[in-house]
Amino acid sequence: MIIDSHSHIWSSPGCLGAGKDFSCLMQEEIEQAQPEIHQSSMDPAGISFVLGFISRHLEAEIPNSIISTYLQSYPDRLFGFAGIDPSDQDAVQQVDRLHEEEGFVGFTLCPACQGFHPCDTRAMLLYELAQENNMPVYFLYGMRFPDIAYMEYAQPLAIDEIARSFPSLKIIISHMGFPWVEQTISLLAKHTHIYADVAGLSKSPWLAYRSLTLAYECRVIEKLFFASDFPNDTVKNAVEALFNLNKITLDSVLPAVPREHLRGIVERDTPKILELSSPSPAPSSASSEVEPTSVDVSQDQVKSP
C-alpha cells in the first residue's frame, strides 16, 4: 500500500495569507486544494497524511476544523497533523485538545514562517507534550519561502538539540530540509527517530536524483517517506517521478539508485514506523499495484551502483 505522508488542504488560497508564497503550501498556478479535490487526487494511495498550517507572522491559517471534518469523512484513509503556532499562549492546550478530542495524531511547525527558533522555550513545551503522547512533529520546509520568513530559523541542524532533549520524539523533516539537504541527511544518520519526506522532488529531477543519491550513499534512504506534496502534485505523478529517477543516469557515468530502494520509499509503512494506530483497511482499489507499468524503466536500462 502507498502511504502519502505529505499533503495539504484549504478552503481557498486567501486563508494562506503571506503563506501563498510558501511553496510547501501552494505553487503560483494552484487555485484549488479543497478536500474533494484532495480525495480525487489521492489514488493510488491507500492512506494520506493531511498537514495543517498556522502562522500568525504570515497571517495564515488553515483552520484545524476543516481538517478535522475531513478526517471524520474518511476515517479509514486519513491521518491528521494539526497546525500549531507556538506564539499562541494556549498552544499546549490546543495540542492536547486536538489530540484527545479531534483525533489529530501529530502537529506541524515551521520556525521560518512562524518566526521562532526551533528550541524556543514555548516550542520545547510542545515537544515535551508530543513525546509524552507519542505525537510526531512535522517540520515544514519548501523550495521557496515568503520574503518575510526567517531563514536563520530554518536550518535543520537546529533540530539536533530537540532530538537530544527528547530522544523518543518522532520528527519528520519535509522536503528533505531543502536547501539544507546535507544537514537533514546528517540528522537522519545521527538520530533514530528523525525522518524526512521527499515532498517537492517529483518536479525537480536533478534535485531528486542528487538528494536520493546522497541519502543512499549515506545509508539513510530507508528513513525517507513518500510524499505527493498535494496540491502541488498528485500521488500518481509523484510515484511515476520516483520510478523514473534513474533515467537521468542513462548514457552517463552517474550511478543509479537501486530500484528496490525507490520501491522501498513508495511502499514504506509510515504509520507503523511512527507507531500510529492504523485506520481501517482502505478500499481494495487504493492498494493496487504501486508501480505504473506505463513509466517502467527496466533494470537493464539503468546503471547499477
Protein backbone atom coordinates (compact mmCIF):
# COMPACT_ATOMS: atom_id res chain seq x y z
CA MET A 1 0.00 0.00 0.00
CA ILE A 2 1.18 3.53 -0.78
CA ILE A 3 1.20 5.97 2.14
CA ASP A 4 1.22 9.63 1.14
CA SER A 5 2.91 11.32 4.09
CA HIS A 6 2.55 14.95 2.99
CA SER A 7 -0.49 16.79 1.64
CA HIS A 8 -2.37 19.99 2.42
CA ILE A 9 -5.95 21.13 2.01
CA TRP A 10 -7.50 24.57 2.32
CA SER A 11 -10.84 26.17 1.58
CA SER A 12 -9.35 28.99 -0.52
CA PRO A 13 -5.91 30.49 -1.21
CA GLY A 14 -7.00 33.53 0.81
CA CYS A 15 -6.65 31.66 4.09
CA LEU A 16 -2.91 31.29 3.43
CA GLY A 17 -2.12 34.99 3.82
CA ALA A 18 1.56 35.54 3.02
CA GLY A 19 1.84 31.75 3.09
CA LYS A 20 0.72 31.79 -0.53
CA ASP A 21 4.39 32.39 -1.26
CA PHE A 22 5.44 29.32 0.74
CA SER A 23 5.84 26.60 -1.87
CA CYS A 24 5.14 23.88 0.68
CA LEU A 25 1.51 25.01 0.64
CA MET A 26 0.98 26.02 -2.98
CA GLN A 27 2.65 26.94 -6.24
CA GLU A 28 1.62 30.04 -8.15
CA GLU A 29 -0.60 28.15 -10.58
CA ILE A 30 -2.51 26.30 -7.83
CA GLU A 31 -6.04 27.58 -7.21
CA GLN A 32 -7.78 24.64 -5.54
CA ALA A 33 -6.96 22.35 -2.64
CA GLN A 34 -10.40 21.64 -1.26
CA PRO A 35 -10.99 18.26 0.43
CA GLU A 36 -12.94 16.90 -2.52
CA ILE A 37 -10.05 17.76 -4.87
CA HIS A 38 -7.63 16.08 -2.48
CA GLN A 39 -9.76 12.95 -2.40
CA SER A 40 -9.81 12.63 -6.17
CA SER A 41 -6.02 13.12 -6.32
CA MET A 42 -5.27 10.68 -3.53
CA ASP A 43 -5.41 7.44 -5.54
CA PRO A 44 -3.47 5.17 -5.78
CA ALA A 45 -2.53 5.88 -2.15
CA GLY A 46 -4.34 3.90 0.48
CA ILE A 47 -3.66 6.41 3.26
CA SER A 48 -2.75 10.11 3.28
CA PHE A 49 -1.38 12.44 5.93
CA VAL A 50 -3.13 15.83 5.86
CA LEU A 51 -0.90 18.55 7.31
CA GLY A 52 -2.28 21.73 8.83
CA PHE A 53 -0.60 25.13 8.94
CA ILE A 54 -0.96 28.22 11.12
CA SER A 55 1.33 31.26 11.18
CA ARG A 56 0.43 34.44 12.99
CA HIS A 57 3.53 36.02 11.44
CA LEU A 58 2.23 35.33 7.92
CA GLU A 59 -1.41 35.98 8.89
CA ALA A 60 -2.12 32.48 7.60
CA GLU A 61 -4.40 29.83 9.00
CA ILE A 62 -5.75 26.62 7.56
CA PRO A 63 -8.42 26.02 10.23
CA ASN A 64 -7.89 22.73 12.01
CA SER A 65 -11.67 22.37 11.99
CA ILE A 66 -11.60 21.92 8.19
CA ILE A 67 -9.09 19.11 8.52
CA SER A 68 -11.00 17.55 11.43
CA THR A 69 -14.22 17.45 9.42
CA TYR A 70 -12.37 15.88 6.50
CA LEU A 71 -10.82 13.24 8.78
CA GLN A 72 -14.27 12.27 10.01
CA SER A 73 -15.47 11.86 6.43
CA TYR A 74 -12.72 9.35 5.55
CA PRO A 75 -11.53 7.83 8.85
CA ASP A 76 -10.16 4.76 7.09
CA ARG A 77 -7.78 6.70 4.85
CA LEU A 78 -6.57 9.84 6.62
CA PHE A 79 -4.22 10.87 9.41
CA GLY A 80 -4.34 14.50 10.53
CA PHE A 81 -1.48 16.71 11.73
CA ALA A 82 -2.78 19.92 13.30
CA GLY A 83 -1.32 23.31 12.51
CA ILE A 84 0.08 24.84 15.71
CA ASP A 85 1.79 28.20 16.25
CA PRO A 86 3.97 28.26 19.39
CA SER A 87 3.30 32.00 19.76
CA ASP A 88 -0.28 31.23 20.84
CA GLN A 89 -0.46 31.38 24.61
CA ASP A 90 -2.67 28.29 24.68
CA ALA A 91 -0.63 26.30 22.13
CA VAL A 92 -0.05 23.40 24.55
CA GLN A 93 -3.75 23.26 25.39
CA GLN A 94 -4.60 23.33 21.68
CA VAL A 95 -2.39 20.32 21.01
CA ASP A 96 -3.86 18.40 23.93
CA ARG A 97 -7.45 19.12 22.86
CA LEU A 98 -6.91 18.42 19.17
CA HIS A 99 -5.24 15.13 20.01
CA GLU A 100 -7.76 13.94 22.60
CA GLU A 101 -11.00 15.27 21.15
CA GLU A 102 -10.49 15.53 17.39
CA GLY A 103 -8.12 12.67 16.64
CA PHE A 104 -5.07 14.53 15.35
CA VAL A 105 -2.05 12.25 15.60
CA GLY A 106 0.62 14.96 15.49
CA PHE A 107 1.21 18.60 14.61
CA THR A 108 3.17 20.78 12.20
CA LEU A 109 5.61 23.61 12.83
CA CYS A 110 7.54 25.94 10.54
CA PRO A 111 10.05 28.02 12.51
CA ALA A 112 10.98 30.10 9.46
CA CYS A 113 7.37 31.02 8.72
CA GLN A 114 6.28 31.35 12.32
CA GLY A 115 9.24 33.44 13.48
CA PHE A 116 10.64 31.36 16.31
CA HIS A 117 13.88 29.50 16.98
CA PRO A 118 13.23 25.73 16.89
CA CYS A 119 14.45 25.49 20.51
CA ASP A 120 12.37 28.40 21.79
CA THR A 121 11.06 27.62 25.29
CA ARG A 122 7.46 27.76 24.05
CA ALA A 123 8.22 25.16 21.41
CA MET A 124 10.12 22.93 23.84
CA LEU A 125 6.91 22.64 25.90
CA LEU A 126 5.15 21.36 22.79
CA TYR A 127 7.87 18.79 22.13
CA GLU A 128 7.61 17.56 25.70
CA LEU A 129 3.86 17.02 25.33
CA ALA A 130 4.35 15.37 21.93
CA GLN A 131 6.88 12.91 23.32
CA GLU A 132 4.61 12.02 26.24
CA ASN A 133 1.71 11.29 23.86
CA ASN A 134 3.70 9.70 21.00
CA MET A 135 2.72 12.52 18.65
CA PRO A 136 5.12 13.03 15.73
CA VAL A 137 6.18 16.60 14.99
CA TYR A 138 6.35 17.63 11.32
CA PHE A 139 8.75 20.47 10.42
CA LEU A 140 7.70 22.16 7.19
CA TYR A 141 10.18 23.30 4.55
CA GLY A 142 9.81 24.17 0.88
CA MET A 143 11.59 25.14 -2.30
CA ARG A 144 10.56 28.78 -1.75
CA PHE A 145 9.85 30.73 1.44
CA PRO A 146 7.90 34.01 1.75
CA ASP A 147 10.07 37.13 1.74
CA ILE A 148 9.25 37.84 5.40
CA ALA A 149 10.23 34.35 6.59
CA TYR A 150 13.18 33.95 8.97
CA MET A 151 15.70 31.78 7.16
CA GLU A 152 18.03 31.82 10.17
CA TYR A 153 15.44 29.67 11.95
CA ALA A 154 15.11 27.21 9.08
CA GLN A 155 18.38 25.26 9.15
CA PRO A 156 17.69 21.62 10.10
CA LEU A 157 20.77 21.36 12.33
CA ALA A 158 18.83 23.33 14.97
CA ILE A 159 16.66 20.22 15.32
CA ASP A 160 19.65 18.34 16.75
CA GLU A 161 19.14 19.93 20.18
CA ILE A 162 15.47 18.96 20.12
CA ALA A 163 16.31 15.33 19.34
CA ARG A 164 18.91 15.25 22.10
CA SER A 165 16.47 16.73 24.61
CA PHE A 166 13.59 14.45 23.61
CA PRO A 167 15.15 11.19 22.39
CA SER A 168 11.82 9.39 21.93
CA LEU A 169 10.18 12.22 19.98
CA LYS A 170 9.49 11.32 16.36
CA ILE A 171 10.37 14.13 13.97
CA ILE A 172 9.73 14.40 10.24
CA ILE A 173 11.53 16.99 8.10
CA SER A 174 9.63 17.85 4.94
CA HIS A 175 11.19 18.41 1.51
CA MET A 176 14.37 16.81 2.90
CA GLY A 177 15.04 20.16 4.58
CA PHE A 178 15.75 21.95 1.29
CA PRO A 179 18.03 23.78 0.70
CA TRP A 180 19.97 22.11 3.54
CA VAL A 181 19.68 18.53 2.30
CA GLU A 182 23.10 17.57 3.65
CA GLN A 183 22.15 18.80 7.12
CA THR A 184 19.00 16.70 7.01
CA ILE A 185 20.92 13.62 5.96
CA SER A 186 23.35 14.08 8.85
CA LEU A 187 20.39 14.23 11.26
CA LEU A 188 18.85 11.09 9.75
CA ALA A 189 22.13 9.28 10.29
CA LYS A 190 22.56 10.51 13.85
CA HIS A 191 19.10 10.21 15.40
CA THR A 192 16.95 7.09 15.45
CA HIS A 193 13.63 8.93 15.41
CA ILE A 194 14.27 11.62 12.79
CA TYR A 195 12.85 11.03 9.31
CA ALA A 196 12.34 13.09 6.16
CA ASP A 197 9.88 13.13 3.29
CA VAL A 198 10.53 13.56 -0.42
CA ALA A 199 7.83 16.20 -0.99
CA GLY A 200 8.58 18.57 -3.84
CA LEU A 201 11.13 16.34 -5.55
CA SER A 202 8.76 14.97 -8.21
CA LYS A 203 9.02 18.20 -10.24
CA SER A 204 12.77 18.69 -9.76
CA PRO A 205 14.56 15.74 -11.43
CA TRP A 206 18.13 16.82 -10.73
CA LEU A 207 17.41 17.79 -7.14
CA ALA A 208 15.56 14.50 -6.63
CA TYR A 209 18.42 12.47 -8.10
CA ARG A 210 21.07 14.33 -6.10
CA SER A 211 19.13 14.14 -2.83
CA LEU A 212 18.24 10.46 -3.08
CA THR A 213 21.73 9.53 -4.22
CA LEU A 214 23.17 11.27 -1.16
CA ALA A 215 20.65 9.51 1.07
CA TYR A 216 21.54 6.15 -0.46
CA GLU A 217 25.30 6.67 -0.25
CA CYS A 218 24.97 7.81 3.38
CA ARG A 219 22.80 4.78 4.14
CA VAL A 220 19.73 6.66 5.32
CA ILE A 221 17.44 6.16 2.33
CA GLU A 222 15.28 3.81 4.40
CA LYS A 223 14.33 6.80 6.56
CA LEU A 224 12.67 8.65 3.68
CA PHE A 225 8.88 8.80 3.39
CA PHE A 226 6.90 9.03 0.16
CA ALA A 227 5.02 12.32 -0.30
CA SER A 228 2.88 13.76 -3.07
CA ASP A 229 3.09 17.38 -1.85
CA PHE A 230 -0.57 17.89 -2.82
CA PRO A 231 -1.87 20.31 -4.08
CA ASN A 232 1.44 20.82 -5.90
CA ASP A 233 1.28 17.32 -7.37
CA THR A 234 -0.75 14.12 -7.31
CA VAL A 235 0.16 10.75 -5.84
CA LYS A 236 0.27 9.17 -9.28
CA ASN A 237 2.67 11.75 -10.70
CA ALA A 238 4.92 11.61 -7.63
CA VAL A 239 5.15 7.80 -7.82
CA GLU A 240 5.98 7.94 -11.52
CA ALA A 241 8.69 10.53 -10.90
CA LEU A 242 10.36 8.34 -8.30
CA PHE A 243 10.38 5.28 -10.53
CA ASN A 244 11.77 7.36 -13.38
CA LEU A 245 14.54 8.81 -11.21
CA ASN A 246 17.31 6.78 -12.83
CA LYS A 247 16.51 7.99 -16.33
CA ILE A 248 18.86 10.87 -15.60
CA THR A 249 21.74 8.38 -15.45
CA LEU A 250 21.19 6.88 -18.91
CA ASP A 251 24.18 7.26 -21.25
CA SER A 252 26.24 8.76 -18.42
CA VAL A 253 28.69 7.69 -15.75
CA LEU A 254 26.31 8.72 -12.97
CA PRO A 255 25.41 5.93 -10.53
CA ALA A 256 21.80 4.78 -10.28
CA VAL A 257 19.85 4.49 -7.05
CA PRO A 258 18.95 0.78 -6.75
CA ARG A 259 15.39 0.22 -7.79
CA GLU A 260 14.49 -1.71 -4.65
CA HIS A 261 15.24 1.40 -2.59
CA LEU A 262 12.96 3.52 -4.76
CA ARG A 263 10.23 0.95 -4.32
CA GLY A 264 11.00 0.96 -0.61
CA ILE A 265 10.21 4.68 -0.41
CA VAL A 266 6.92 4.24 -2.27
CA GLU A 267 5.81 1.24 -0.19
CA ARG A 268 7.14 2.33 3.22
CA ASP A 269 4.69 1.69 6.07
CA THR A 270 4.98 5.15 7.57
CA PRO A 271 2.21 4.80 10.19
CA LYS A 272 3.88 1.65 11.54
CA ILE A 273 7.27 3.35 11.74
CA LEU A 274 5.72 6.30 13.58
CA GLU A 275 3.72 3.91 15.79
CA LEU A 276 0.40 5.39 14.78
CA SER A 277 -2.81 3.42 15.10
CA SER A 278 -3.74 2.47 11.56
CA PRO A 279 -7.12 3.39 10.08
CA SER A 280 -9.42 0.61 8.99
CA PRO A 281 -8.36 -1.24 5.82
CA ALA A 282 -8.56 1.01 2.78
CA PRO A 283 -10.71 0.12 -0.24
CA SER A 284 -9.10 -2.51 -2.43
CA SER A 285 -8.85 -0.06 -5.36
CA ALA A 286 -6.44 2.05 -3.31
CA SER A 287 -3.96 -0.76 -2.75
CA SER A 288 -3.42 -1.82 -6.34
CA GLU A 289 -0.02 -2.39 -7.91
CA VAL A 290 2.03 0.66 -7.00
CA GLU A 291 4.48 0.77 -9.86
CA PRO A 292 2.93 2.21 -13.02
CA THR A 293 3.89 -0.01 -15.94
CA SER A 294 3.49 2.95 -18.26
CA VAL A 295 6.54 4.60 -16.73
CA ASP A 296 8.55 1.48 -16.05
CA VAL A 297 12.28 1.73 -16.53
CA SER A 298 13.59 -1.81 -16.55
CA GLN A 299 16.69 -2.78 -14.64
CA ASP A 300 18.68 -3.42 -17.79
CA GLN A 301 18.08 0.17 -18.90
CA VAL A 302 19.75 1.76 -15.91
CA LYS A 303 23.18 1.55 -14.39
CA SER A 304 23.61 -0.16 -11.06
CA PRO A 305 25.83 1.46 -8.47
